[in-house]
Amino acid sequence: MGDSLSDKRNFILAPLICLAISNKSRELNPISKYKLDDLKELAGECNLATKNGPKNKTKQVLYDEINLYYLNH
């Protein structure tokens, strides 16, 4: 029959597995793997500002903001 427990479990788990895979692709590497210019480029792709007033944001601040962006989107 088509209503087996296995079929129901697969129906419920398949979207969760897809969500987990799509979220995994948005994880950042450790900060040491990035140069400041790499983070500026990622920030631009996320429509995040790279400056705080007249001053450039630090590598750590950009990394944290990008990570927060990925967690919320």
N, C-alpha and C. Protein backbone atom coordinates (compact mmCIF):
# COMPACT_ATOMS: atom_id res chain seq x y z
N MET A 1 0.84 -1.18 0.00
CA MET A 1 0.00 0.00 0.00
C MET A 1 0.88 1.25 0.00
N GLY A 2 0.36 2.36 -0.46
CA GLY A 2 1.10 3.60 -0.54
C GLY A 2 1.17 4.38 0.76
N ASP A 3 0.45 3.92 1.79
CA ASP A 3 0.44 4.65 3.05
C ASP A 3 1.35 4.03 4.10
N SER A 4 2.40 3.39 3.68
CA SER A 4 3.29 2.76 4.66
C SER A 4 4.00 3.84 5.47
N LEU A 5 4.47 3.44 6.63
CA LEU A 5 5.17 4.37 7.52
C LEU A 5 6.42 4.92 6.84
N SER A 6 7.10 4.10 6.08
CA SER A 6 8.30 4.54 5.37
C SER A 6 7.98 5.65 4.37
N ASP A 7 6.87 5.51 3.64
CA ASP A 7 6.48 6.54 2.67
C ASP A 7 6.17 7.85 3.38
N LYS A 8 5.46 7.77 4.51
CA LYS A 8 5.12 8.98 5.25
C LYS A 8 6.38 9.64 5.80
N ARG A 9 7.31 8.84 6.30
CA ARG A 9 8.55 9.38 6.86
C ARG A 9 9.36 10.08 5.76
N ASN A 10 9.45 9.49 4.59
CA ASN A 10 10.17 10.09 3.48
C ASN A 10 9.51 11.39 3.02
N PHE A 11 8.18 11.42 3.03
CA PHE A 11 7.45 12.61 2.64
C PHE A 11 7.75 13.77 3.60
N ILE A 12 7.89 13.48 4.87
CA ILE A 12 8.15 14.51 5.88
C ILE A 12 9.62 14.90 5.88
N LEU A 13 10.53 13.95 5.74
CA LEU A 13 11.96 14.24 5.87
C LEU A 13 12.58 14.86 4.63
N ALA A 14 12.06 14.58 3.45
CA ALA A 14 12.67 15.09 2.22
C ALA A 14 12.81 16.61 2.22
N PRO A 15 11.77 17.39 2.55
CA PRO A 15 11.95 18.85 2.58
C PRO A 15 12.96 19.30 3.62
N LEU A 16 13.02 18.61 4.75
CA LEU A 16 13.98 18.99 5.79
C LEU A 16 15.41 18.74 5.33
N ILE A 17 15.61 17.65 4.61
CA ILE A 17 16.95 17.35 4.11
C ILE A 17 17.36 18.40 3.08
N CYS A 18 16.44 18.80 2.20
CA CYS A 18 16.74 19.84 1.21
C CYS A 18 17.06 21.16 1.90
N LEU A 19 16.33 21.50 2.95
CA LEU A 19 16.58 22.73 3.69
C LEU A 19 17.95 22.68 4.34
N ALA A 20 18.31 21.55 4.91
CA ALA A 20 19.61 21.41 5.55
C ALA A 20 20.74 21.56 4.53
N ILE A 21 20.56 20.99 3.35
CA ILE A 21 21.57 21.10 2.31
C ILE A 21 21.70 22.55 1.83
N SER A 22 20.58 23.23 1.64
CA SER A 22 20.66 24.61 1.16
C SER A 22 21.26 25.52 2.22
N ASN A 23 20.98 25.28 3.50
CA ASN A 23 21.58 26.09 4.57
C ASN A 23 23.07 25.79 4.70
N LYS A 24 23.47 24.56 4.44
CA LYS A 24 24.87 24.18 4.53
C LYS A 24 25.69 24.97 3.52
N SER A 25 25.13 25.25 2.35
CA SER A 25 25.88 25.95 1.32
C SER A 25 26.11 27.42 1.69
N ARG A 26 25.39 27.92 2.66
CA ARG A 26 25.54 29.31 3.07
C ARG A 26 26.48 29.49 4.26
N GLU A 27 27.07 28.43 4.74
CA GLU A 27 27.99 28.54 5.86
C GLU A 27 29.30 29.15 5.39
N LEU A 28 29.86 29.97 6.23
CA LEU A 28 31.15 30.58 5.93
C LEU A 28 32.28 29.67 6.40
N ASN A 29 33.39 29.78 5.72
CA ASN A 29 34.61 29.14 6.19
C ASN A 29 35.12 29.92 7.40
N PRO A 30 36.09 29.40 8.10
CA PRO A 30 36.68 30.18 9.20
C PRO A 30 37.23 31.50 8.68
N ILE A 31 37.24 32.51 9.53
CA ILE A 31 37.65 33.86 9.12
C ILE A 31 39.07 33.87 8.56
N SER A 32 39.92 32.99 9.04
CA SER A 32 41.31 32.96 8.57
C SER A 32 41.43 32.57 7.10
N LYS A 33 40.39 31.99 6.54
CA LYS A 33 40.41 31.59 5.12
C LYS A 33 40.12 32.75 4.17
N TYR A 34 39.70 33.90 4.72
CA TYR A 34 39.30 35.03 3.89
C TYR A 34 40.29 36.18 4.00
N LYS A 35 40.45 36.86 2.86
CA LYS A 35 41.14 38.15 2.85
C LYS A 35 40.06 39.21 2.98
N LEU A 36 40.45 40.39 3.39
CA LEU A 36 39.49 41.48 3.56
C LEU A 36 38.72 41.74 2.27
N ASP A 37 39.41 41.71 1.15
CA ASP A 37 38.74 41.95 -0.14
C ASP A 37 37.69 40.88 -0.45
N ASP A 38 37.95 39.63 -0.05
CA ASP A 38 36.97 38.56 -0.23
C ASP A 38 35.70 38.86 0.56
N LEU A 39 35.86 39.31 1.79
CA LEU A 39 34.72 39.62 2.63
C LEU A 39 33.97 40.85 2.11
N LYS A 40 34.69 41.82 1.57
CA LYS A 40 34.03 42.98 0.98
C LYS A 40 33.16 42.55 -0.21
N GLU A 41 33.67 41.63 -1.00
CA GLU A 41 32.91 41.13 -2.14
C GLU A 41 31.65 40.38 -1.68
N LEU A 42 31.80 39.53 -0.67
CA LEU A 42 30.64 38.81 -0.12
C LEU A 42 29.63 39.79 0.47
N ALA A 43 30.12 40.82 1.15
CA ALA A 43 29.22 41.82 1.74
C ALA A 43 28.44 42.53 0.64
N GLY A 44 29.09 42.82 -0.46
CA GLY A 44 28.41 43.45 -1.60
C GLY A 44 27.32 42.56 -2.17
N GLU A 45 27.59 41.27 -2.25
CA GLU A 45 26.59 40.33 -2.75
C GLU A 45 25.38 40.24 -1.82
N CYS A 46 25.62 40.51 -0.54
CA CYS A 46 24.54 40.47 0.46
C CYS A 46 23.91 41.84 0.68
N ASN A 47 24.35 42.83 -0.10
CA ASN A 47 23.89 44.21 0.06
C ASN A 47 24.17 44.77 1.44
N LEU A 48 25.34 44.44 1.98
CA LEU A 48 25.77 44.95 3.28
C LEU A 48 26.81 46.05 3.05
N ALA A 49 26.76 47.07 3.88
CA ALA A 49 27.72 48.17 3.77
C ALA A 49 29.10 47.70 4.19
N THR A 50 30.12 48.19 3.51
CA THR A 50 31.49 47.85 3.87
C THR A 50 32.16 48.96 4.66
N LYS A 51 31.43 50.05 4.86
CA LYS A 51 31.96 51.18 5.63
C LYS A 51 31.01 51.51 6.77
N ASN A 52 31.60 51.99 7.83
CA ASN A 52 30.84 52.48 8.97
C ASN A 52 31.12 53.98 9.04
N GLY A 53 30.26 54.75 8.39
CA GLY A 53 30.55 56.18 8.24
C GLY A 53 31.69 56.34 7.26
N PRO A 54 32.69 57.12 7.60
CA PRO A 54 33.83 57.32 6.70
C PRO A 54 34.88 56.21 6.80
N LYS A 55 34.78 55.36 7.83
CA LYS A 55 35.80 54.34 8.06
C LYS A 55 35.37 52.98 7.50
N ASN A 56 36.36 52.24 7.01
CA ASN A 56 36.10 50.87 6.54
C ASN A 56 35.83 49.96 7.73
N LYS A 57 34.93 49.00 7.54
CA LYS A 57 34.69 48.01 8.58
C LYS A 57 35.87 47.04 8.64
N THR A 58 36.13 46.52 9.81
CA THR A 58 37.23 45.57 9.96
C THR A 58 36.83 44.21 9.40
N LYS A 59 37.81 43.38 9.21
CA LYS A 59 37.59 42.04 8.70
C LYS A 59 36.63 41.28 9.63
N GLN A 60 36.82 41.39 10.93
CA GLN A 60 35.97 40.68 11.89
C GLN A 60 34.53 41.17 11.83
N VAL A 61 34.34 42.47 11.73
CA VAL A 61 32.99 43.04 11.67
C VAL A 61 32.28 42.57 10.39
N LEU A 62 32.96 42.63 9.26
CA LEU A 62 32.36 42.16 8.01
C LEU A 62 32.00 40.68 8.09
N TYR A 63 32.92 39.89 8.62
CA TYR A 63 32.68 38.45 8.74
C TYR A 63 31.44 38.19 9.60
N ASP A 64 31.35 38.88 10.74
CA ASP A 64 30.22 38.69 11.64
C ASP A 64 28.90 39.11 10.99
N GLU A 65 28.91 40.22 10.28
CA GLU A 65 27.68 40.70 9.62
C GLU A 65 27.24 39.76 8.49
N ILE A 66 28.19 39.25 7.73
CA ILE A 66 27.87 38.30 6.66
C ILE A 66 27.31 37.01 7.27
N ASN A 67 27.95 36.55 8.31
CA ASN A 67 27.48 35.33 8.97
C ASN A 67 26.06 35.52 9.50
N LEU A 68 25.79 36.65 10.11
CA LEU A 68 24.45 36.96 10.62
C LEU A 68 23.44 37.03 9.47
N TYR A 69 23.85 37.63 8.37
CA TYR A 69 22.99 37.71 7.19
C TYR A 69 22.60 36.30 6.72
N TYR A 70 23.59 35.42 6.61
CA TYR A 70 23.33 34.06 6.15
C TYR A 70 22.42 33.31 7.11
N LEU A 71 22.56 33.54 8.39
CA LEU A 71 21.72 32.87 9.38
C LEU A 71 20.26 33.33 9.28
N ASN A 72 20.04 34.58 8.87
CA ASN A 72 18.70 35.13 8.80
C ASN A 72 18.03 35.04 7.44
N HIS A 73 18.77 34.60 6.41
CA HIS A 73 18.19 34.54 5.06
C HIS A 73 18.30 33.16 4.49
